[in-house]
Structure formats: structure tokens, C-alpha cells
Amino acid sequence: MYNTTTEVLFKKFEIVETLKKDAYTAVYIAVHTYLGKKIILKTLNTSEITDKTITSRFRREAKILAKLNHPNLIEVLDFGTYENYFYLSFEYFESRNLREIIKANKLSLEEKLNLLNQLLQAVEAAHQNQIVHRDIKPENILVNSRLQLKIADFGLALILNDTNVTQKSSIVGTPSYMSPEQIRGEILSTQSDLFSVGIVTYELFTGHNPFIGKDISDTINKILNFDENLITQDIETLPVNVQKAIKIMLKRNPKSRASSVNEVYNLFGFTPSGEQKIYKRFFPSRPRRKKTLILSAAVLIILIAAVFFFSQYFLSFKSGSSGESSLNKNEINKIQEPDRNSDKPGKNEADKNKPPAANLAMDYGKLFIECSPWGDVYIDNVKVDTTPLKDYIRLKTGRHTVKVVHPDYPAYVKNIKVAGAQIETIVIDFKYSIGYLICNINPWGDVYINGQLKGTTPLRAPILLYPGRYTLTVTNPQYGKKEAIIDVKARDTLNYNFNFENLDSLKNNP
């Protein structure tokens, strides 16, 4: 059980629950009194610390997290000092760790692949910033009820080529998830994280860690001396691409191991973006079942309407004065070629008697939108609803422009063609359909994307962009302007660094 308190720390954090506490550090769920939002607060009491590495790790975690911005990485909000304390605040992410989820053993193959997809995206985001996590394990991987994943705890992470950090001074991490070179205290690379990801992947799909021994020494010995052929026997029933990915991550020699996350990513067949794939993974059963039922119902309505129409027509013919036993040519044409403009003035009497259900099936289709976190829905520039939708949106057949707007993300726009008695489904997860652009400009600059001003550096947050090619323009009245063509990919973070002061030729330009 968590301890419930009403303590206020550092004059701005109201403690809600104490998650962890020892002689030096503590972790709390707190409310930031100025912002009025829940956060995770991590504190370090420096007054009695004799081991300086503890303080340096705390500082390093803040420095590392400040470099990262990705939907699958826990976001740092604030870092500071107060008297003898250091503190670090993170976003509050209501979740369970992956260890609990693996133990529950309720995930489908598709859901496991979804989680692995996100895990690889998060690791790649760290590696692009030259950061090695060094402690990837289920306890540091958080998953919420919608199967959104975030990596947490960068306390042991290091920045590659950081001259202030000595990689070989000590062995840090969790032994059962370490790479062989990490156990030996050798210089690490991003491939060391891939070995840890391989173990987590193995455990996610099989339910157990292949290297766990009777004690730490036995575990370390298994990692250093395992038979690569025998270690993969438990995964022989898994899909071939999953087997290949696990095998290439669990290579003792880093030179034989996957060289990057992208190599593993390609083996799994993941794509950088894909609305429908995200939809299926986050909502594995509801949409397909709902879509099938409603489509079946629509077909049934059409059949009933058709039977009703012909039966009424036959009865009216039979009761007519002519007493003829067959339909004339004009009447046959009326049935085979119904007037598509029956709702316009001047329609004939036969079409006026057409059942409403038949008109609905022929002239209207349905649109359903699933959007996370939420969005205002516009059809042809007219606002019609806000997600989550309670029902389908009925649309006239033909072409329509759909726009979904959330204040924190670029607007989603899509042109659709609606057919009669059909259902169009659009699934949007704003966080997983955009890329992030970080601009580091010295001394400062106005940032434009395709001619539209996005702000003046230093920007308070990354610029959010849909995948595609853009013209990035940075201007400074003292130095002039600089243009670049950038390619943005979904879920990727693109860093653009530029120093005006290094371009003497631009000085004195208007």
C-alpha cells in the first residue's frame, strides 16, 4: 500500500502518495500547486550523501531527459534545487509496468507486437540522441490501459562521447538484463541496449527470462557463456520474423548483433506509421465486430426494402383495371433504372412511393472516427461532432473533406469518397501520426515552416508536423536567413542545429 500524506514539498508540490523512499531518495505522486496537475516527483537529499556518484547520476538523468521528447518516453517537466534537495518532476502516466502485464499473460500476439513496436520506437529515439539507457527491463517499461507504452527511469543512462562520464568505472544495471559487454565492464554502445531489448522481447513472447539463474553469479555466467542455438529453442513456435529478430538481438558478440533498432524494426515488418494498424492494436475487437454487424444490418434493410417494394408494386398491378398478366416495357424500365434524382422537384409518382429505407441505403453512407486523445470533427468545413463519437456520422454519397482538430496537434485532413450503404472508418492517434522537430539556433532565430511562423527560439516545445517534406526557414535580422529542406517521419524526432555566428558571409545582411 502507498502512504497517503498531505505534505507540501519545496512550496509547490503537494504530496498525494509516497511510492518509494530510502535514506537519500524518494518518489512521490504529487500535485503541482501552480499548474494544478498530477506529476511524479523524484527527490534526492544531498545533506548526508558521501557517494558523489549518486548526485551525479541524479543530475545526469535530468540532463538526459531534457534532451528527449517522444510519446514513448516519460517526459521530464522540471528540475531544480531547494535547500539540500535536488528534485526532478515527470509527467504522471497512470500505468502498470510490463512485468505485471507479462505475469497476467492476457496479451494476444497482435498486442505483444504493438508493445514491441512502441518499445523499439522509444529506444530508437534515445539512440538518435546518443543516449544508451543501460537498464532496459520490464520494471522500467510502463503500459497504460490502452496499451500505450513509455520507457522510464534514465538514472543509469549515459550519453555517448560524454567526456564527463567514465563508462568503464563500474558495472551498473540489472544483471539478468545486461549484455555480455556490460557485465565485463567494457565500453558500451547502442547495441548493448538491443541485447536488453532482446531479453525483454523473449520474455514478452515466452513468459520467462532465459538467463535467470539460481543466484546472481549463475545468471551472469549464463549470459557470458550461453549457447545461441539452444537459447532460442523456446521460440520455435513463434512467427518466423519474431524468431529472427530475437536471434539477431541475442548475439554475444556485438559485431554479430543487430547494428541498429531499424534493422530489428524491419525484421518485424513494422512500418513507421499506419492508422489502421494502430487502430487494430489498440482496439483489437470492437471496431471489426461493430463494422460487421452494422454492415450486415444495412444489407438486411436493403433486402427487406426491396422485397417490400416489389410486393407493393405487384399488388397494385394486380388490382389495376387492365387485368393484364405481365408488365409493359415502360414499367420494366422503371424498376430496372430507378430515378437517381428522386429527391428533386418533378419526380414521378412511382418514385414517390419508394420506401425511405431504400433511399437511405442508396443515397447515404456512414462515417465512423476513432481518435486519440480526442478531436473536433469537421465535414466540409462544418463542425459536426467531437470524439469520442456515440454513433456513426451519416453522409450523402459523394466526396467529402474530413478534418479533425485537436489544439495540441496539427489538424488531420483527409478527402474521402462515401458510397451508398457503406461504412468509412478513420482512425487517428495524434501522438503516433506526427513527427517532432527540435530547433537549436544560436544566438536565436524566427522559425518558419513552409512560410508559416512557428515561433522564436528557444522554442518552448518541439514543432509537431505530419510526415512529409517541408521548407524550414530560420531568420535573424542581424545575420539574415537560412533555409533547409527537411523530411519528417512519423514518431521520429528531428534535430536541426544552426549557428548564425559561424557564417561570416551572412553578417551585415538586411
Protein backbone atom coordinates (compact mmCIF):
# COMPACT_ATOMS: atom_id res chain seq x y z
CA MET A 1 0.00 0.00 0.00
CA TYR A 2 1.10 3.54 -0.70
CA ASN A 3 1.41 6.03 2.11
CA THR A 4 -1.11 8.86 1.91
CA THR A 5 0.08 12.26 3.10
CA THR A 6 -0.81 15.95 2.87
CA GLU A 7 2.79 17.16 2.90
CA VAL A 8 3.86 20.04 0.67
CA LEU A 9 7.45 19.92 -0.60
CA PHE A 10 9.51 22.82 -1.89
CA LYS A 11 6.49 25.13 -1.55
CA LYS A 12 4.89 23.88 -4.76
CA PHE A 13 4.42 20.08 -4.70
CA GLU A 14 1.52 18.68 -2.70
CA ILE A 15 2.27 15.03 -1.97
CA VAL A 16 -0.55 12.62 -2.78
CA GLU A 17 1.20 9.24 -2.37
CA THR A 18 4.67 8.03 -1.44
CA LEU A 19 5.71 5.37 -3.92
CA LYS A 20 9.27 4.75 -2.73
CA LYS A 21 11.56 6.14 -0.05
CA ASP A 22 15.02 5.32 1.31
CA ALA A 23 17.82 7.15 3.10
CA TYR A 24 18.55 9.53 0.22
CA THR A 25 15.86 9.33 -2.45
CA ALA A 26 12.09 9.34 -2.61
CA VAL A 27 9.48 9.05 -5.34
CA TYR A 28 6.01 10.54 -4.95
CA ILE A 29 2.77 11.11 -6.77
CA ALA A 30 2.20 14.81 -6.27
CA VAL A 31 0.12 17.74 -7.47
CA HIS A 32 1.97 20.75 -8.84
CA THR A 33 0.12 23.51 -6.99
CA TYR A 34 0.88 26.15 -9.62
CA LEU A 35 -0.14 24.05 -12.60
CA GLY A 36 -2.90 22.11 -10.85
CA LYS A 37 -1.85 18.81 -12.42
CA LYS A 38 -0.65 15.43 -11.17
CA ILE A 39 3.03 14.65 -11.58
CA ILE A 40 5.66 12.16 -10.46
CA LEU A 41 8.21 13.78 -8.16
CA LYS A 42 11.66 12.33 -7.53
CA THR A 43 13.81 13.86 -4.78
CA LEU A 44 17.39 13.47 -3.55
CA ASN A 45 18.54 14.58 -0.10
CA THR A 46 22.19 15.63 -0.53
CA SER A 47 22.89 16.60 3.09
CA GLU A 48 24.30 13.23 4.16
CA ILE A 49 25.43 11.71 0.87
CA THR A 50 29.06 10.59 0.85
CA ASP A 51 28.89 8.82 -2.52
CA LYS A 52 29.16 11.59 -5.12
CA THR A 53 28.10 9.23 -7.91
CA ILE A 54 24.54 9.28 -6.55
CA THR A 55 24.35 13.05 -7.01
CA SER A 56 25.98 12.91 -10.44
CA ARG A 57 23.51 10.25 -11.60
CA PHE A 58 20.59 12.38 -10.48
CA ARG A 59 21.93 15.37 -12.40
CA ARG A 60 22.68 13.21 -15.41
CA GLU A 61 19.15 11.81 -15.51
CA ALA A 62 17.77 15.36 -15.62
CA LYS A 63 20.22 16.31 -18.36
CA ILE A 64 19.42 13.25 -20.42
CA LEU A 65 15.65 13.51 -20.15
CA ALA A 66 15.79 17.18 -21.10
CA LYS A 67 17.24 16.06 -24.46
CA LEU A 68 14.39 13.66 -25.15
CA ASN A 69 10.89 14.30 -26.42
CA HIS A 70 8.96 11.31 -27.70
CA PRO A 71 5.49 9.88 -26.99
CA ASN A 72 7.03 6.58 -25.84
CA LEU A 73 9.43 8.18 -23.35
CA ILE A 74 8.45 9.60 -19.97
CA GLU A 75 8.60 13.37 -20.22
CA VAL A 76 10.56 15.42 -17.68
CA LEU A 77 8.76 18.58 -16.59
CA ASP A 78 11.06 20.30 -14.14
CA PHE A 79 14.44 20.04 -12.42
CA GLY A 80 15.69 22.18 -9.58
CA THR A 81 17.16 22.50 -6.11
CA TYR A 82 15.67 23.51 -2.79
CA GLU A 83 17.94 23.84 0.24
CA ASN A 84 19.69 20.45 0.49
CA TYR A 85 17.45 18.74 -2.07
CA PHE A 86 17.55 18.07 -5.76
CA TYR A 87 14.19 17.37 -7.35
CA LEU A 88 13.01 16.10 -10.71
CA SER A 89 9.38 16.03 -11.84
CA PHE A 90 7.91 13.86 -14.60
CA GLU A 91 4.59 13.54 -16.36
CA TYR A 92 2.06 11.43 -14.48
CA PHE A 93 1.40 8.30 -16.56
CA GLU A 94 -1.21 6.04 -14.98
CA SER A 95 0.01 2.58 -15.86
CA ARG A 96 1.40 -0.80 -14.82
CA ASN A 97 4.90 -1.99 -15.53
CA LEU A 98 5.49 -4.64 -18.16
CA ARG A 99 6.41 -7.20 -15.51
CA GLU A 100 2.84 -7.18 -14.20
CA ILE A 101 1.43 -7.45 -17.71
CA ILE A 102 3.67 -10.40 -18.60
CA LYS A 103 2.60 -12.18 -15.42
CA ALA A 104 -1.09 -11.63 -16.23
CA ASN A 105 -0.48 -13.43 -19.57
CA LYS A 106 -3.54 -11.96 -21.30
CA LEU A 107 -1.97 -10.34 -24.35
CA SER A 108 -2.66 -11.55 -27.87
CA LEU A 109 0.14 -11.90 -30.42
CA GLU A 110 -1.01 -8.68 -32.08
CA GLU A 111 -0.94 -6.79 -28.76
CA LYS A 112 2.55 -8.06 -27.99
CA LEU A 113 3.74 -6.84 -31.38
CA ASN A 114 2.11 -3.50 -30.72
CA LEU A 115 4.01 -3.10 -27.44
CA LEU A 116 7.27 -4.19 -29.04
CA ASN A 117 6.72 -1.70 -31.85
CA GLN A 118 6.46 1.13 -29.32
CA LEU A 119 9.41 -0.14 -27.28
CA LEU A 120 11.64 -0.09 -30.35
CA GLN A 121 10.44 3.39 -31.25
CA ALA A 122 11.35 4.64 -27.76
CA VAL A 123 14.80 3.03 -27.81
CA GLU A 124 15.49 4.46 -31.26
CA ALA A 125 14.53 7.96 -30.05
CA ALA A 126 17.07 7.67 -27.23
CA HIS A 127 19.76 6.29 -29.54
CA GLN A 128 19.25 9.12 -32.03
CA ASN A 129 20.19 11.45 -29.20
CA GLN A 130 23.33 9.36 -28.46
CA ILE A 131 21.81 8.02 -25.23
CA VAL A 132 22.25 4.44 -24.00
CA HIS A 133 19.66 3.53 -21.36
CA ARG A 134 21.72 0.70 -19.75
CA ASP A 135 18.78 -0.62 -17.69
CA ILE A 136 16.03 -1.72 -20.07
CA LYS A 137 13.88 -4.24 -18.20
CA PRO A 138 10.14 -4.85 -17.66
CA GLU A 139 10.08 -2.80 -14.45
CA ASN A 140 11.21 0.30 -16.36
CA ILE A 141 8.65 -0.14 -19.13
CA LEU A 142 5.22 1.32 -18.34
CA VAL A 143 1.98 0.43 -20.14
CA ASN A 144 -1.44 2.01 -19.67
CA SER A 145 -4.91 0.52 -20.15
CA ARG A 146 -4.90 1.44 -23.87
CA LEU A 147 -1.61 -0.38 -24.42
CA GLN A 148 0.38 2.81 -24.80
CA LEU A 149 3.98 2.22 -23.69
CA LYS A 150 6.59 4.53 -22.20
CA ILE A 151 10.16 3.86 -21.04
CA ALA A 152 11.01 5.37 -17.67
CA ASP A 153 13.98 5.67 -15.28
CA PHE A 154 17.03 7.03 -17.09
CA GLY A 155 19.01 7.14 -13.84
CA LEU A 156 21.69 4.80 -15.19
CA ALA A 157 21.71 6.12 -18.76
CA LEU A 158 24.79 7.64 -20.33
CA ILE A 159 25.45 9.99 -23.21
CA LEU A 160 27.87 8.53 -25.73
CA ASN A 161 31.12 10.50 -26.10
CA ASP A 162 30.38 12.45 -22.90
CA THR A 163 33.82 13.21 -21.54
CA ASN A 164 32.39 13.78 -18.06
CA VAL A 165 31.25 10.17 -17.73
CA THR A 166 33.60 7.22 -17.47
CA GLN A 167 31.90 4.16 -18.86
CA LYS A 168 34.34 1.62 -17.51
CA SER A 169 34.50 2.75 -13.88
CA SER A 170 31.84 0.36 -12.60
CA ILE A 171 29.22 -2.14 -13.71
CA VAL A 172 25.70 -0.73 -13.40
CA GLY A 173 22.36 -2.17 -14.40
CA THR A 174 20.24 -5.24 -13.66
CA PRO A 175 22.35 -8.42 -14.16
CA SER A 176 19.61 -10.55 -15.75
CA TYR A 177 19.08 -7.93 -18.50
CA MET A 178 22.71 -6.93 -19.13
CA SER A 179 24.63 -7.56 -22.33
CA PRO A 180 27.86 -9.60 -22.08
CA GLU A 181 29.99 -6.48 -22.70
CA GLN A 182 28.11 -4.61 -19.98
CA ILE A 183 28.85 -7.37 -17.47
CA ARG A 184 32.53 -7.30 -18.45
CA GLY A 185 32.66 -3.54 -17.87
CA GLU A 186 33.59 -2.78 -21.47
CA ILE A 187 32.76 0.39 -23.41
CA LEU A 188 29.08 0.28 -24.33
CA SER A 189 27.22 1.21 -27.50
CA THR A 190 23.59 1.37 -28.57
CA GLN A 191 23.88 -2.34 -29.39
CA SER A 192 24.15 -3.03 -25.66
CA ASP A 193 20.57 -1.77 -25.26
CA LEU A 194 19.50 -4.05 -28.12
CA PHE A 195 20.66 -7.11 -26.18
CA SER A 196 18.48 -5.99 -23.26
CA VAL A 197 15.57 -5.40 -25.63
CA GLY A 198 16.13 -8.92 -26.96
CA ILE A 199 15.75 -10.36 -23.45
CA VAL A 200 12.58 -8.32 -22.83
CA THR A 201 11.20 -9.46 -26.19
CA TYR A 202 11.99 -13.09 -25.38
CA GLU A 203 10.22 -12.71 -22.04
CA LEU A 204 7.23 -10.91 -23.57
CA PHE A 205 6.59 -13.77 -26.00
CA THR A 206 7.51 -16.75 -23.79
CA GLY A 207 6.79 -15.54 -20.26
CA HIS A 208 10.29 -16.09 -18.86
CA ASN A 209 13.83 -14.73 -18.98
CA PRO A 210 16.19 -17.37 -20.44
CA PHE A 211 19.17 -16.18 -18.36
CA ILE A 212 17.73 -16.24 -14.84
CA GLY A 213 19.89 -18.47 -12.64
CA LYS A 214 19.74 -19.66 -9.05
CA ASP A 215 21.72 -16.58 -7.99
CA ILE A 216 23.44 -13.54 -9.50
CA SER A 217 26.66 -15.43 -10.24
CA ASP A 218 24.75 -18.13 -12.07
CA THR A 219 22.80 -15.54 -14.05
CA ILE A 220 25.96 -13.70 -15.09
CA ASN A 221 27.62 -16.97 -16.10
CA LYS A 222 24.62 -17.87 -18.29
CA ILE A 223 24.79 -14.55 -20.14
CA LEU A 224 28.55 -14.78 -20.70
CA ASN A 225 28.56 -18.41 -21.85
CA PHE A 226 25.15 -19.21 -23.33
CA ASP A 227 24.72 -21.34 -26.44
CA GLU A 228 23.00 -19.13 -29.02
CA ASN A 229 21.40 -22.15 -30.70
CA LEU A 230 19.97 -23.64 -27.51
CA ILE A 231 18.74 -20.34 -26.12
CA THR A 232 16.22 -19.96 -28.93
CA GLN A 233 14.55 -23.36 -28.59
CA ASP A 234 11.62 -21.87 -26.68
CA ILE A 235 10.73 -19.53 -29.52
CA GLU A 236 10.44 -22.12 -32.30
CA THR A 237 6.63 -21.85 -32.30
CA LEU A 238 6.66 -18.08 -32.76
CA PRO A 239 6.30 -16.36 -36.16
CA VAL A 240 9.48 -16.58 -38.22
CA ASN A 241 10.11 -12.83 -38.21
CA VAL A 242 9.86 -12.75 -34.39
CA GLN A 243 12.37 -15.60 -34.13
CA LYS A 244 14.82 -13.85 -36.46
CA ALA A 245 14.58 -10.58 -34.55
CA ILE A 246 15.16 -12.22 -31.17
CA LYS A 247 18.11 -14.22 -32.50
CA ILE A 248 19.84 -11.21 -34.02
CA MET A 249 19.43 -9.20 -30.80
CA LEU A 250 20.70 -12.02 -28.55
CA LYS A 251 24.15 -12.34 -30.09
CA ARG A 252 27.02 -12.48 -27.59
CA ASN A 253 29.36 -10.61 -29.91
CA PRO A 254 28.17 -7.03 -30.60
CA LYS A 255 29.70 -7.25 -34.09
CA SER A 256 27.26 -10.06 -34.94
CA ARG A 257 24.32 -8.37 -33.22
CA ALA A 258 21.82 -6.10 -34.95
CA SER A 259 23.58 -2.84 -35.75
CA SER A 260 20.60 -0.60 -35.03
CA VAL A 261 16.97 -0.52 -33.98
CA ASN A 262 15.96 -0.03 -37.62
CA GLU A 263 17.44 -3.39 -38.53
CA VAL A 264 15.30 -5.08 -35.90
CA TYR A 265 12.32 -2.96 -36.84
CA ASN A 266 12.49 -4.11 -40.45
CA LEU A 267 12.68 -7.76 -39.40
CA PHE A 268 9.37 -7.40 -37.60
CA GLY A 269 7.84 -5.79 -40.65
CA PHE A 270 6.77 -2.71 -38.75
CA THR A 271 6.01 0.46 -40.68
CA PRO A 272 6.75 4.00 -39.44
CA SER A 273 3.05 4.88 -39.50
CA GLY A 274 -0.24 3.21 -40.20
CA GLU A 275 -3.54 4.37 -38.84
CA GLN A 276 -5.35 1.10 -39.35
CA LYS A 277 -2.60 -0.92 -37.67
CA ILE A 278 -2.71 1.29 -34.61
CA TYR A 279 -6.48 1.01 -34.58
CA LYS A 280 -6.42 -2.76 -34.61
CA ARG A 281 -3.77 -3.00 -31.93
CA PHE A 282 -5.35 -0.53 -29.53
CA PHE A 283 -8.89 -1.75 -30.21
CA PRO A 284 -8.38 -5.35 -31.29
CA SER A 285 -12.00 -6.49 -31.40
CA ARG A 286 -14.58 -3.73 -31.11
CA PRO A 287 -14.27 -1.97 -34.49
CA ARG A 288 -14.30 -5.06 -36.66
CA ARG A 289 -17.27 -6.58 -34.81
CA LYS A 290 -19.18 -3.30 -34.85
CA LYS A 291 -18.43 -2.68 -38.51
CA THR A 292 -19.53 -6.20 -39.48
CA LEU A 293 -22.79 -6.01 -37.52
CA ILE A 294 -23.81 -2.63 -38.92
CA LEU A 295 -22.86 -3.58 -42.48
CA SER A 296 -24.93 -6.75 -42.13
CA ALA A 297 -27.84 -4.73 -40.79
CA ALA A 298 -27.60 -2.30 -43.72
CA VAL A 299 -27.69 -5.17 -46.22
CA LEU A 300 -30.70 -6.69 -44.41
CA ILE A 301 -32.56 -3.35 -44.56
CA ILE A 302 -31.91 -3.12 -48.30
CA LEU A 303 -33.23 -6.67 -48.87
CA ILE A 304 -36.35 -6.05 -46.78
CA ALA A 305 -36.97 -2.75 -48.58
CA ALA A 306 -36.57 -4.43 -51.96
CA VAL A 307 -38.99 -7.22 -51.07
CA PHE A 308 -41.49 -4.68 -49.75
CA PHE A 309 -41.19 -2.54 -52.90
CA PHE A 310 -41.77 -5.41 -55.32
CA SER A 311 -44.61 -6.88 -53.27
CA GLN A 312 -46.39 -3.50 -53.15
CA TYR A 313 -45.83 -2.97 -56.83
CA PHE A 314 -47.15 -6.43 -57.67
CA LEU A 315 -50.26 -5.92 -55.51
CA SER A 316 -51.00 -2.54 -57.05
CA PHE A 317 -50.58 -4.02 -60.53
CA LYS A 318 -52.79 -6.98 -59.75
CA SER A 319 -55.60 -4.76 -58.52
CA GLY A 320 -55.40 -2.49 -61.63
CA SER A 321 -58.27 -2.14 -64.15
CA SER A 322 -56.46 -3.56 -67.15
CA GLY A 323 -56.21 -7.08 -65.75
CA GLU A 324 -53.07 -7.70 -67.79
CA SER A 325 -50.84 -10.52 -66.54
CA SER A 326 -47.47 -9.01 -67.48
CA LEU A 327 -45.62 -5.69 -67.02
CA ASN A 328 -45.26 -3.43 -70.03
CA LYS A 329 -41.85 -2.24 -71.26
CA ASN A 330 -42.05 1.18 -69.62
CA GLU A 331 -42.81 -0.34 -66.24
CA ILE A 332 -39.87 -2.75 -66.55
CA ASN A 333 -37.55 0.18 -67.25
CA LYS A 334 -38.85 1.98 -64.18
CA ILE A 335 -37.86 -0.92 -62.00
CA GLN A 336 -34.50 -1.63 -63.64
CA GLU A 337 -33.44 2.02 -63.99
CA PRO A 338 -34.79 3.92 -60.95
CA ASP A 339 -34.58 7.72 -60.99
CA ARG A 340 -31.39 8.64 -59.11
CA ASN A 341 -32.68 12.19 -58.67
CA SER A 342 -35.90 11.17 -56.96
CA ASP A 343 -35.43 13.75 -54.24
CA LYS A 344 -35.52 16.61 -56.77
CA PRO A 345 -38.70 18.52 -57.83
CA GLY A 346 -40.69 16.85 -60.60
CA LYS A 347 -40.08 13.26 -59.59
CA ASN A 348 -42.65 10.78 -60.85
CA GLU A 349 -45.30 9.08 -58.74
CA ALA A 350 -43.65 5.65 -58.85
CA ASP A 351 -40.51 7.03 -57.16
CA LYS A 352 -42.57 8.90 -54.58
CA ASN A 353 -43.84 5.55 -53.32
CA LYS A 354 -40.29 4.18 -52.89
CA PRO A 355 -39.67 3.12 -49.25
CA PRO A 356 -37.47 5.55 -47.22
CA ALA A 357 -35.09 2.75 -46.25
CA ALA A 358 -34.22 2.13 -49.88
CA ASN A 359 -33.45 5.82 -50.42
CA LEU A 360 -31.27 5.89 -47.31
CA ALA A 361 -29.29 2.85 -48.42
CA MET A 362 -28.79 4.26 -51.91
CA ASP A 363 -28.11 7.93 -51.16
CA TYR A 364 -26.27 7.83 -47.83
CA GLY A 365 -23.22 6.22 -46.32
CA LYS A 366 -21.76 6.24 -42.81
CA LEU A 367 -18.54 7.55 -41.33
CA PHE A 368 -17.02 6.49 -38.03
CA ILE A 369 -13.99 8.21 -36.49
CA GLU A 370 -11.86 6.83 -33.66
CA CYS A 371 -9.50 9.50 -32.36
CA SER A 372 -6.99 9.66 -29.53
CA PRO A 373 -6.81 11.68 -27.36
CA TRP A 374 -9.87 13.49 -28.86
CA GLY A 375 -10.75 15.83 -31.69
CA ASP A 376 -13.37 18.19 -33.10
CA VAL A 377 -14.77 16.73 -36.31
CA TYR A 378 -15.45 18.95 -39.33
CA ILE A 379 -17.13 17.72 -42.50
CA ASP A 380 -16.69 20.05 -45.46
CA ASN A 381 -15.59 22.82 -43.04
CA VAL A 382 -18.69 22.44 -40.84
CA LYS A 383 -18.24 21.17 -37.28
CA VAL A 384 -20.47 18.14 -36.72
CA ASP A 385 -19.25 16.47 -33.52
CA THR A 386 -16.41 15.87 -31.04
CA THR A 387 -14.86 12.47 -30.42
CA PRO A 388 -15.43 10.02 -28.88
CA LEU A 389 -18.41 9.64 -31.18
CA LYS A 390 -21.52 7.99 -29.81
CA ASP A 391 -22.69 6.87 -33.24
CA TYR A 392 -21.83 6.94 -36.92
CA ILE A 393 -21.99 10.17 -38.91
CA ARG A 394 -24.45 9.87 -41.81
CA LEU A 395 -23.17 11.44 -45.04
CA LYS A 396 -24.58 11.92 -48.52
CA THR A 397 -22.86 9.81 -51.15
CA GLY A 398 -20.00 11.53 -52.89
CA ARG A 399 -16.75 13.20 -51.93
CA HIS A 400 -16.23 14.97 -48.60
CA THR A 401 -13.36 16.63 -46.75
CA VAL A 402 -12.90 15.40 -43.19
CA LYS A 403 -10.88 17.47 -40.74
CA VAL A 404 -10.19 16.50 -37.13
CA VAL A 405 -8.75 19.19 -34.87
CA HIS A 406 -7.00 18.97 -31.51
CA PRO A 407 -5.43 22.16 -30.09
CA ASP A 408 -2.09 20.48 -29.30
CA TYR A 409 -1.53 18.85 -32.70
CA PRO A 410 -1.62 19.70 -36.40
CA ALA A 411 -5.09 19.27 -37.91
CA TYR A 412 -5.79 15.91 -39.55
CA VAL A 413 -7.30 16.34 -43.03
CA LYS A 414 -8.47 13.59 -45.36
CA ASN A 415 -10.60 13.52 -48.51
CA ILE A 416 -12.99 10.58 -48.59
CA LYS A 417 -15.48 9.15 -51.06
CA VAL A 418 -18.72 7.96 -49.48
CA ALA A 419 -20.66 5.21 -51.23
CA GLY A 420 -24.27 4.27 -50.55
CA ALA A 421 -24.88 1.76 -47.73
CA GLN A 422 -21.16 1.59 -46.95
CA ILE A 423 -19.17 2.47 -43.85
CA GLU A 424 -15.98 4.53 -43.96
CA THR A 425 -13.72 4.25 -40.91
CA ILE A 426 -10.98 6.72 -39.98
CA VAL A 427 -8.67 6.05 -37.06
CA ILE A 428 -6.35 8.73 -35.72
CA ASP A 429 -3.84 8.63 -32.91
CA PHE A 430 -2.33 12.09 -32.98
CA LYS A 431 0.70 11.08 -30.92
CA TYR A 432 1.62 8.29 -33.33
CA SER A 433 0.93 10.02 -36.62
CA ILE A 434 3.24 13.02 -36.26
CA GLY A 435 6.95 13.79 -36.12
CA TYR A 436 8.81 16.20 -33.85
CA LEU A 437 11.18 18.96 -34.91
CA ILE A 438 13.60 20.48 -32.39
CA CYS A 439 15.42 23.64 -33.46
CA ASN A 440 18.61 24.71 -31.69
CA ILE A 441 19.56 28.09 -33.13
CA ASN A 442 22.45 30.26 -31.97
CA PRO A 443 22.05 33.04 -30.93
CA TRP A 444 18.33 32.93 -31.83
CA GLY A 445 16.02 32.91 -34.79
CA ASP A 446 12.43 33.08 -36.04
CA VAL A 447 11.40 29.64 -37.28
CA TYR A 448 9.14 29.24 -40.32
CA ILE A 449 7.72 26.03 -41.77
CA ASN A 450 6.62 26.43 -45.42
CA GLY A 451 6.48 30.17 -44.82
CA GLN A 452 4.36 29.97 -41.66
CA LEU A 453 5.88 31.38 -38.47
CA LYS A 454 6.13 28.73 -35.74
CA GLY A 455 7.90 30.78 -33.08
CA THR A 456 11.15 32.32 -31.92
CA THR A 457 13.92 30.20 -30.42
CA PRO A 458 14.41 28.93 -27.87
CA LEU A 459 11.08 27.23 -28.56
CA ARG A 460 9.17 26.05 -25.52
CA ALA A 461 8.31 22.72 -27.18
CA PRO A 462 9.12 20.76 -30.35
CA ILE A 463 7.26 21.66 -33.52
CA LEU A 464 4.71 18.97 -34.40
CA LEU A 465 4.48 18.03 -38.08
CA TYR A 466 2.81 15.34 -40.13
CA PRO A 467 5.12 13.13 -42.20
CA GLY A 468 6.35 14.82 -45.35
CA ARG A 469 8.86 17.25 -46.82
CA TYR A 470 8.98 20.83 -45.58
CA THR A 471 10.96 24.01 -46.16
CA LEU A 472 12.48 25.16 -42.87
CA THR A 473 13.48 28.82 -42.74
CA VAL A 474 15.30 30.47 -39.84
CA THR A 475 15.76 34.25 -39.83
CA ASN A 476 17.66 36.67 -37.66
CA PRO A 477 17.65 40.41 -38.53
CA GLN A 478 21.36 40.72 -37.74
CA TYR A 479 22.55 37.73 -39.75
CA GLY A 480 19.95 37.11 -42.45
CA LYS A 481 18.21 33.81 -43.08
CA LYS A 482 18.97 30.14 -43.56
CA GLU A 483 16.78 27.64 -45.43
CA ALA A 484 16.80 23.87 -45.41
CA ILE A 485 14.63 21.09 -46.77
CA ILE A 486 13.66 18.62 -44.04
CA ASP A 487 11.97 15.22 -44.24
CA VAL A 488 9.73 14.41 -41.30
CA LYS A 489 8.76 10.85 -40.42
CA ALA A 490 6.00 9.73 -38.09
CA ARG A 491 7.15 9.26 -34.47
CA ASP A 492 10.68 10.44 -35.25
CA THR A 493 12.38 13.38 -33.59
CA LEU A 494 14.39 15.56 -35.97
CA ASN A 495 17.05 17.86 -34.51
CA TYR A 496 18.08 20.93 -36.51
CA ASN A 497 21.14 22.77 -35.18
CA PHE A 498 22.37 26.01 -36.69
CA ASN A 499 24.83 28.69 -35.62
CA PHE A 500 24.47 32.05 -37.37
CA GLU A 501 27.72 33.32 -35.84
CA ASN A 502 29.72 30.76 -37.83
CA LEU A 503 28.56 32.26 -41.12
CA ASP A 504 30.59 35.45 -41.52
CA SER A 505 29.27 35.94 -45.04
CA LEU A 506 25.77 36.45 -43.71
CA LYS A 507 26.74 39.19 -41.29
CA ASN A 508 25.52 42.69 -42.05
CA ASN A 509 22.85 41.33 -44.41
CA PRO A 510 19.50 43.09 -44.04
